[in-house]
Amino acid sequence: VNVLSVDRESFNREKTKYSGQPAVVFETTKFVAKAKITKVLESDHGLIAGSVIDIRYSVTVRQPPDPVFRIRPMLTAGETVTLTVFGGGSSFNWRNSAQ
């Protein structure tokens, strides 16, 4: 897909404290990206090249950072990426954490 735009939909901050350990904060931001399909490798949804779709995804950051906690990459307007989406119509979710 070619990413046309990315907008933030929501932000949530949760603080968790476990007995005897420092507090951990999880910040989750939900995004919606508008993207133009450039090539379809496989589709169960009738996607075709040239279609414009919305892709919803979230990014969660942990504070303090932990090398085991994986942070999903963000989409950026103007970039072309290969990814897997799930959904239908013109609204899809990006659940694959690897580009």
C-alpha atoms as a PDB file:
ATOM      1  CA  VAL A   1       0.000   0.000   0.000  1.00  0.00           C
ATOM      2  CA  ASN A   2       0.957   3.620  -0.420  1.00  0.00           C
ATOM      3  CA  VAL A   3       0.148   5.478   2.799  1.00  0.00           C
ATOM      4  CA  LEU A   4      -1.695   8.708   1.977  1.00  0.00           C
ATOM      5  CA  SER A   5      -2.290  10.008   5.518  1.00  0.00           C
ATOM      6  CA  VAL A   6      -2.185   8.943   9.160  1.00  0.00           C
ATOM      7  CA  ASP A   7      -4.407  10.415  11.874  1.00  0.00           C
ATOM      8  CA  ARG A   8      -4.486   9.747  15.611  1.00  0.00           C
ATOM      9  CA  GLU A   9      -7.872   8.483  16.797  1.00  0.00           C
ATOM     10  CA  SER A  10      -7.269   8.115  20.534  1.00  0.00           C
ATOM     11  CA  PHE A  11      -4.704   7.923  23.319  1.00  0.00           C
ATOM     12  CA  ASN A  12      -4.846   5.951  26.572  1.00  0.00           C
ATOM     13  CA  ARG A  13      -2.376   5.858  29.472  1.00  0.00           C
ATOM     14  CA  GLU A  14      -2.503   3.087  32.076  1.00  0.00           C
ATOM     15  CA  LYS A  15      -0.282   2.824  35.114  1.00  0.00           C
ATOM     16  CA  THR A  16       0.210  -0.574  36.749  1.00  0.00           C
ATOM     17  CA  LYS A  17       1.931  -1.232  40.065  1.00  0.00           C
ATOM     18  CA  TYR A  18       2.846  -4.712  41.191  1.00  0.00           C
ATOM     19  CA  SER A  19       3.813  -5.382  44.807  1.00  0.00           C
ATOM     20  CA  GLY A  20       7.507  -4.788  45.374  1.00  0.00           C
ATOM     21  CA  GLN A  21       8.160  -3.528  41.828  1.00  0.00           C
ATOM     22  CA  PRO A  22       8.330  -0.056  40.280  1.00  0.00           C
ATOM     23  CA  ALA A  23       5.258   1.235  38.462  1.00  0.00           C
ATOM     24  CA  VAL A  24       4.901   0.413  34.762  1.00  0.00           C
ATOM     25  CA  VAL A  25       3.078   2.740  32.367  1.00  0.00           C
ATOM     26  CA  PHE A  26       1.537   1.613  29.075  1.00  0.00           C
ATOM     27  CA  GLU A  27       0.641   4.345  26.578  1.00  0.00           C
ATOM     28  CA  THR A  28      -1.539   3.160  23.682  1.00  0.00           C
ATOM     29  CA  THR A  29      -2.258   5.359  20.685  1.00  0.00           C
ATOM     30  CA  LYS A  30      -4.809   4.271  18.076  1.00  0.00           C
ATOM     31  CA  PHE A  31      -4.366   5.429  14.491  1.00  0.00           C
ATOM     32  CA  VAL A  32      -6.267   5.325  11.209  1.00  0.00           C
ATOM     33  CA  ALA A  33      -4.241   5.473   8.003  1.00  0.00           C
ATOM     34  CA  LYS A  34      -5.726   6.155   4.585  1.00  0.00           C
ATOM     35  CA  ALA A  35      -3.860   4.053   2.030  1.00  0.00           C
ATOM     36  CA  LYS A  36      -4.035   3.313  -1.676  1.00  0.00           C
ATOM     37  CA  ILE A  37      -3.624  -0.323  -2.677  1.00  0.00           C
ATOM     38  CA  THR A  38      -0.687  -0.555  -5.088  1.00  0.00           C
ATOM     39  CA  LYS A  39      -0.530  -4.334  -5.457  1.00  0.00           C
ATOM     40  CA  VAL A  40      -2.535  -7.237  -4.046  1.00  0.00           C
ATOM     41  CA  LEU A  41      -0.552 -10.385  -3.297  1.00  0.00           C
ATOM     42  CA  GLU A  42      -3.517 -12.363  -1.936  1.00  0.00           C
ATOM     43  CA  SER A  43      -7.059 -11.314  -1.005  1.00  0.00           C
ATOM     44  CA  ASP A  44     -10.094 -12.879   0.603  1.00  0.00           C
ATOM     45  CA  HIS A  45     -11.795  -9.455   0.639  1.00  0.00           C
ATOM     46  CA  GLY A  46     -11.932  -8.457  -3.012  1.00  0.00           C
ATOM     47  CA  LEU A  47      -9.172  -5.858  -2.649  1.00  0.00           C
ATOM     48  CA  ILE A  48      -7.899  -4.517  -5.958  1.00  0.00           C
ATOM     49  CA  ALA A  49      -5.029  -2.244  -6.916  1.00  0.00           C
ATOM     50  CA  GLY A  50      -6.120   1.392  -6.957  1.00  0.00           C
ATOM     51  CA  SER A  51      -8.614   1.056  -4.088  1.00  0.00           C
ATOM     52  CA  VAL A  52      -8.320   3.493  -1.175  1.00  0.00           C
ATOM     53  CA  ILE A  53      -8.886   1.946   2.262  1.00  0.00           C
ATOM     54  CA  ASP A  54      -8.702   2.909   5.928  1.00  0.00           C
ATOM     55  CA  ILE A  55      -6.263   0.883   8.035  1.00  0.00           C
ATOM     56  CA  ARG A  56      -6.717   0.943  11.793  1.00  0.00           C
ATOM     57  CA  TYR A  57      -3.928  -0.032  14.183  1.00  0.00           C
ATOM     58  CA  SER A  58      -2.534   0.758  17.611  1.00  0.00           C
ATOM     59  CA  VAL A  59       0.936   1.363  19.020  1.00  0.00           C
ATOM     60  CA  THR A  60       1.681   0.657  22.691  1.00  0.00           C
ATOM     61  CA  VAL A  61       4.801   1.988  24.405  1.00  0.00           C
ATOM     62  CA  ARG A  62       5.976   0.720  27.804  1.00  0.00           C
ATOM     63  CA  GLN A  63       7.703   2.931  30.380  1.00  0.00           C
ATOM     64  CA  PRO A  64      10.205   1.999  31.592  1.00  0.00           C
ATOM     65  CA  PRO A  65      11.226   0.284  28.353  1.00  0.00           C
ATOM     66  CA  ASP A  66      11.734  -3.478  28.371  1.00  0.00           C
ATOM     67  CA  PRO A  67      13.668  -5.215  25.558  1.00  0.00           C
ATOM     68  CA  VAL A  68      11.136  -8.077  25.592  1.00  0.00           C
ATOM     69  CA  PHE A  69       8.199  -5.689  24.987  1.00  0.00           C
ATOM     70  CA  ARG A  70       7.925  -5.240  21.223  1.00  0.00           C
ATOM     71  CA  ILE A  71       6.767  -1.881  19.850  1.00  0.00           C
ATOM     72  CA  ARG A  72       4.817  -1.956  16.580  1.00  0.00           C
ATOM     73  CA  PRO A  73       6.181   0.334  13.884  1.00  0.00           C
ATOM     74  CA  MET A  74       4.052   3.291  12.808  1.00  0.00           C
ATOM     75  CA  LEU A  75       2.882   3.999   9.287  1.00  0.00           C
ATOM     76  CA  THR A  76       4.017   7.295   7.775  1.00  0.00           C
ATOM     77  CA  ALA A  77       2.340   9.309   5.027  1.00  0.00           C
ATOM     78  CA  GLY A  78       4.209   8.951   1.750  1.00  0.00           C
ATOM     79  CA  GLU A  79       5.747   5.553   2.439  1.00  0.00           C
ATOM     80  CA  THR A  80       4.963   2.384   0.523  1.00  0.00           C
ATOM     81  CA  VAL A  81       4.825  -0.794   2.626  1.00  0.00           C
ATOM     82  CA  THR A  82       3.739  -4.404   2.334  1.00  0.00           C
ATOM     83  CA  LEU A  83       1.400  -5.493   5.101  1.00  0.00           C
ATOM     84  CA  THR A  84      -1.442  -7.838   5.946  1.00  0.00           C
ATOM     85  CA  VAL A  85      -4.874  -6.373   6.684  1.00  0.00           C
ATOM     86  CA  PHE A  86      -8.110  -7.933   7.923  1.00  0.00           C
ATOM     87  CA  GLY A  87     -11.613  -6.573   7.519  1.00  0.00           C
ATOM     88  CA  GLY A  88     -13.950  -5.698   4.704  1.00  0.00           C
ATOM     89  CA  GLY A  89     -15.443  -2.941   2.599  1.00  0.00           C
ATOM     90  CA  SER A  90     -13.056  -0.020   2.874  1.00  0.00           C
ATOM     91  CA  SER A  91     -12.138  -0.448   6.572  1.00  0.00           C
ATOM     92  CA  PHE A  92      -9.387  -2.828   7.650  1.00  0.00           C
ATOM     93  CA  ASN A  93      -7.253  -3.590  10.699  1.00  0.00           C
ATOM     94  CA  TRP A  94      -3.522  -4.083  10.548  1.00  0.00           C
ATOM     95  CA  ARG A  95      -2.703  -6.882  12.978  1.00  0.00           C
ATOM     96  CA  ASN A  96       0.680  -7.896  11.602  1.00  0.00           C
ATOM     97  CA  SER A  97       3.416  -6.254  13.680  1.00  0.00           C
ATOM     98  CA  ALA A  98       6.105  -6.698  11.017  1.00  0.00           C
ATOM     99  CA  GLN A  99       6.225  -4.563   7.917  1.00  0.00           C
END
